[in-house]
Every structure is written in structure tokens, then in C-alpha cells.
N, C-alpha and C. Protein backbone atom coordinates (compact mmCIF):
# COMPACT_ATOMS: atom_id res chain seq x y z
N MET A 1 0.85 -1.18 0.00
CA MET A 1 0.00 0.00 0.00
C MET A 1 0.89 1.24 0.00
N ASP A 2 0.55 2.19 -0.83
CA ASP A 2 1.28 3.45 -0.88
C ASP A 2 0.93 4.30 0.34
N SER A 3 1.81 5.22 0.63
CA SER A 3 1.54 6.15 1.74
C SER A 3 0.40 7.07 1.36
N CYS A 4 -0.37 7.49 2.36
CA CYS A 4 -1.48 8.42 2.12
C CYS A 4 -0.91 9.82 1.88
N GLU A 5 -1.76 10.71 1.44
CA GLU A 5 -1.33 12.07 1.12
C GLU A 5 -0.80 12.81 2.35
N CYS A 6 -1.38 12.59 3.52
CA CYS A 6 -0.90 13.29 4.72
C CYS A 6 0.51 12.82 5.10
N ALA A 7 0.81 11.54 4.87
CA ALA A 7 2.16 11.04 5.15
C ALA A 7 3.15 11.56 4.11
N LYS A 8 2.72 11.63 2.87
CA LYS A 8 3.60 12.16 1.81
C LYS A 8 3.91 13.63 2.05
N ALA A 9 2.98 14.35 2.65
CA ALA A 9 3.18 15.78 2.91
C ALA A 9 4.32 16.03 3.90
N ILE A 10 4.56 15.11 4.80
CA ILE A 10 5.66 15.28 5.77
C ILE A 10 6.81 14.34 5.46
N GLY A 11 6.80 13.74 4.28
CA GLY A 11 7.79 12.73 3.92
C GLY A 11 9.24 13.15 4.01
N GLY A 12 9.57 14.36 3.66
CA GLY A 12 10.97 14.79 3.69
C GLY A 12 11.39 15.48 4.97
N LYS A 13 10.47 15.62 5.90
CA LYS A 13 10.76 16.34 7.14
C LYS A 13 11.40 15.41 8.17
N ARG A 14 12.39 15.95 8.89
CA ARG A 14 13.04 15.18 9.96
C ARG A 14 12.51 15.62 11.31
N PHE A 15 12.33 14.67 12.20
CA PHE A 15 11.83 14.93 13.54
C PHE A 15 12.80 14.37 14.56
N LEU A 16 12.89 15.01 15.71
CA LEU A 16 13.56 14.39 16.85
C LEU A 16 12.62 13.30 17.34
N SER A 17 13.16 12.27 17.93
CA SER A 17 12.35 11.11 18.34
C SER A 17 11.15 11.49 19.18
N ASN A 18 11.34 12.36 20.14
CA ASN A 18 10.24 12.71 21.03
C ASN A 18 9.29 13.75 20.45
N GLU A 19 9.59 14.28 19.27
CA GLU A 19 8.73 15.28 18.64
C GLU A 19 7.99 14.74 17.42
N ALA A 20 8.26 13.51 17.03
CA ALA A 20 7.63 12.94 15.85
C ALA A 20 6.14 12.66 16.12
N PRO A 21 5.30 12.85 15.11
CA PRO A 21 3.88 12.54 15.30
C PRO A 21 3.68 11.03 15.43
N ARG A 22 2.62 10.65 16.10
CA ARG A 22 2.32 9.22 16.27
C ARG A 22 1.75 8.67 14.98
N LEU A 23 2.06 7.43 14.72
CA LEU A 23 1.52 6.74 13.54
C LEU A 23 0.47 5.74 13.98
N PRO A 24 -0.58 5.56 13.24
CA PRO A 24 -0.92 6.28 12.02
C PRO A 24 -1.26 7.74 12.33
N LEU A 25 -1.03 8.61 11.36
CA LEU A 25 -1.34 10.02 11.52
C LEU A 25 -2.85 10.20 11.73
N LEU A 26 -3.21 11.24 12.43
CA LEU A 26 -4.63 11.48 12.71
C LEU A 26 -5.46 11.62 11.43
N GLN A 27 -4.86 12.17 10.37
CA GLN A 27 -5.57 12.38 9.13
C GLN A 27 -5.53 11.17 8.20
N CYS A 28 -4.92 10.09 8.62
CA CYS A 28 -4.78 8.91 7.76
C CYS A 28 -6.16 8.34 7.40
N PRO A 29 -6.41 8.13 6.10
CA PRO A 29 -7.71 7.60 5.69
C PRO A 29 -7.87 6.10 5.96
N HIS A 30 -6.76 5.40 6.25
CA HIS A 30 -6.80 3.95 6.48
C HIS A 30 -6.04 3.59 7.76
N PRO A 31 -6.45 4.09 8.93
CA PRO A 31 -5.68 3.86 10.15
C PRO A 31 -5.58 2.39 10.56
N GLN A 32 -6.57 1.58 10.20
CA GLN A 32 -6.54 0.17 10.60
C GLN A 32 -5.50 -0.63 9.81
N THR A 33 -5.20 -0.22 8.60
CA THR A 33 -4.27 -0.96 7.75
C THR A 33 -3.03 -0.15 7.40
N CYS A 34 -2.80 0.94 8.09
CA CYS A 34 -1.68 1.83 7.80
C CYS A 34 -0.35 1.08 7.97
N THR A 35 0.53 1.23 7.00
CA THR A 35 1.85 0.60 7.07
C THR A 35 2.97 1.63 7.10
N CYS A 36 2.62 2.89 7.33
CA CYS A 36 3.62 3.95 7.37
C CYS A 36 4.59 3.69 8.53
N GLN A 37 5.83 4.08 8.34
CA GLN A 37 6.83 3.96 9.39
C GLN A 37 7.87 5.04 9.21
N PHE A 38 8.56 5.35 10.30
CA PHE A 38 9.60 6.36 10.26
C PHE A 38 10.92 5.72 9.86
N LYS A 39 11.71 6.46 9.11
CA LYS A 39 13.05 6.02 8.75
C LYS A 39 14.02 6.69 9.71
N HIS A 40 14.85 5.90 10.37
CA HIS A 40 15.82 6.43 11.32
C HIS A 40 17.02 6.99 10.56
N HIS A 41 17.41 8.20 10.91
CA HIS A 41 18.59 8.82 10.31
C HIS A 41 19.74 8.69 11.29
N THR A 42 20.94 8.57 10.78
CA THR A 42 22.11 8.48 11.64
C THR A 42 22.32 9.82 12.34
N ASP A 43 23.07 9.78 13.41
CA ASP A 43 23.36 10.98 14.19
C ASP A 43 24.06 12.00 13.31
N ARG A 44 23.72 13.27 13.48
CA ARG A 44 24.30 14.32 12.66
C ARG A 44 25.71 14.69 13.07
N ARG A 45 26.12 14.32 14.28
CA ARG A 45 27.48 14.63 14.71
C ARG A 45 28.48 13.78 13.96
N ARG A 46 29.56 14.40 13.57
CA ARG A 46 30.59 13.67 12.85
C ARG A 46 31.50 12.87 13.79
N GLN A 47 31.68 13.37 14.99
CA GLN A 47 32.54 12.67 15.95
C GLN A 47 32.03 12.91 17.36
N ALA A 48 32.58 12.17 18.31
CA ALA A 48 32.18 12.31 19.70
C ALA A 48 32.52 13.71 20.19
N ARG A 49 31.65 14.28 21.00
CA ARG A 49 31.86 15.64 21.49
C ARG A 49 32.40 15.67 22.91
N ARG A 50 32.26 14.61 23.65
CA ARG A 50 32.69 14.60 25.03
C ARG A 50 33.66 13.44 25.26
N ALA A 51 34.54 13.61 26.23
CA ALA A 51 35.50 12.55 26.52
C ALA A 51 34.79 11.27 26.93
N GLU A 52 33.67 11.41 27.65
CA GLU A 52 32.93 10.22 28.09
C GLU A 52 32.37 9.45 26.90
N ASP A 53 32.12 10.13 25.78
CA ASP A 53 31.56 9.48 24.61
C ASP A 53 32.53 8.49 23.96
N VAL A 54 33.82 8.67 24.21
CA VAL A 54 34.82 7.76 23.62
C VAL A 54 35.48 6.90 24.68
N GLY A 55 34.87 6.80 25.86
CA GLY A 55 35.38 5.91 26.89
C GLY A 55 36.36 6.52 27.86
N MET A 56 36.61 7.81 27.78
CA MET A 56 37.54 8.46 28.69
C MET A 56 36.79 8.84 29.98
N PRO A 57 37.50 8.85 31.11
CA PRO A 57 36.83 9.26 32.35
C PRO A 57 36.51 10.76 32.29
N PRO A 58 35.46 11.19 32.99
CA PRO A 58 35.13 12.62 32.97
C PRO A 58 36.23 13.44 33.63
N LYS A 59 36.40 14.67 33.17
CA LYS A 59 37.40 15.56 33.75
C LYS A 59 36.97 15.95 35.16
N PHE A 60 37.96 16.11 36.04
CA PHE A 60 37.66 16.53 37.41
C PHE A 60 37.31 18.01 37.40
N MET A 61 36.23 18.34 38.04
CA MET A 61 35.85 19.74 38.19
C MET A 61 35.75 20.03 39.67
N PRO A 62 36.52 21.01 40.17
CA PRO A 62 36.47 21.32 41.60
C PRO A 62 35.08 21.80 41.99
N PRO A 63 34.65 21.49 43.20
CA PRO A 63 33.33 21.93 43.64
C PRO A 63 33.25 23.45 43.67
N ARG A 64 32.12 23.98 43.24
CA ARG A 64 31.93 25.42 43.23
C ARG A 64 31.27 25.86 44.53
N GLU A 65 31.45 27.12 44.84
CA GLU A 65 30.82 27.69 46.03
C GLU A 65 29.30 27.66 45.84
N ARG A 66 28.61 27.25 46.87
CA ARG A 66 27.15 27.23 46.78
C ARG A 66 26.65 28.66 46.78
N ARG A 67 25.88 28.99 45.75
CA ARG A 67 25.39 30.35 45.63
C ARG A 67 24.41 30.71 46.73
N ALA A 68 23.71 29.73 47.27
CA ALA A 68 22.74 30.01 48.32
C ALA A 68 23.43 30.50 49.59
N GLU A 69 24.68 30.09 49.78
CA GLU A 69 25.41 30.48 50.98
C GLU A 69 26.28 31.70 50.76
N ALA A 70 26.43 32.13 49.52
CA ALA A 70 27.30 33.27 49.21
C ALA A 70 26.58 34.58 49.52
N HIS A 71 27.36 35.59 49.87
CA HIS A 71 26.80 36.91 50.10
C HIS A 71 26.73 37.65 48.77
N GLY A 72 25.88 38.65 48.72
CA GLY A 72 25.73 39.45 47.51
C GLY A 72 26.93 40.34 47.27
N ARG A 73 26.92 41.06 46.17
CA ARG A 73 28.04 41.93 45.82
C ARG A 73 27.90 43.33 46.38
N ARG A 74 26.73 43.69 46.84
CA ARG A 74 26.54 45.04 47.38
C ARG A 74 27.12 45.13 48.79
N SER A 75 27.51 46.34 49.17
CA SER A 75 28.13 46.50 50.50
C SER A 75 27.11 46.22 51.61
N ASP A 76 25.84 46.47 51.38
CA ASP A 76 24.86 46.22 52.44
C ASP A 76 24.38 44.76 52.47
N ASP A 77 24.91 43.88 51.59
CA ASP A 77 24.56 42.47 51.58
C ASP A 77 25.47 41.62 52.48
N GLN A 78 26.38 42.22 53.20
CA GLN A 78 27.36 41.46 53.98
C GLN A 78 26.77 41.12 55.34
N GLU A 79 26.03 40.08 55.40
CA GLU A 79 25.46 39.65 56.68
C GLU A 79 26.14 38.41 57.17
């Protein structure tokens, strides 16, 4: 069975997994026999972006001062 017109209308569009419409589409004229499916595209990144992505341990980051405990920058904020 060929895709319906509503599926063809979004045929070239790419969606993030959590943003893709559910199949069958609401406008599908044959929802009981619909055979439409999404084609998975490979990741757009050319290479790993983080050290953890290639098996390296994460870099050590020293703990930062808790902002809730820090005083403000104004002279009258020094309590």
C-alpha cells in the first residue's frame, strides 16, 4: 500500500524522536491498515563531542561555592 497524502506531505521532514507525530497520523484515511513507518537517520554529529563518549573518564571539576550560601556583591549584603 502506498503512503497516504498526509504522510507524503511530511515525507521529507526530519523529527527528533520525542517530537515525531504518532503513527498512524490522525488524518490517515486507512488507520486500521496503515503501514507507514519512520526512517531512522544516523546521528548528525561527525565525531564524539565529550570525553565520556569515547570511553575516557570525565574531567575533574572542583566543587563550586554554593550560591545560596554566598553573600551578595553590594556593600549592604554582607550579613
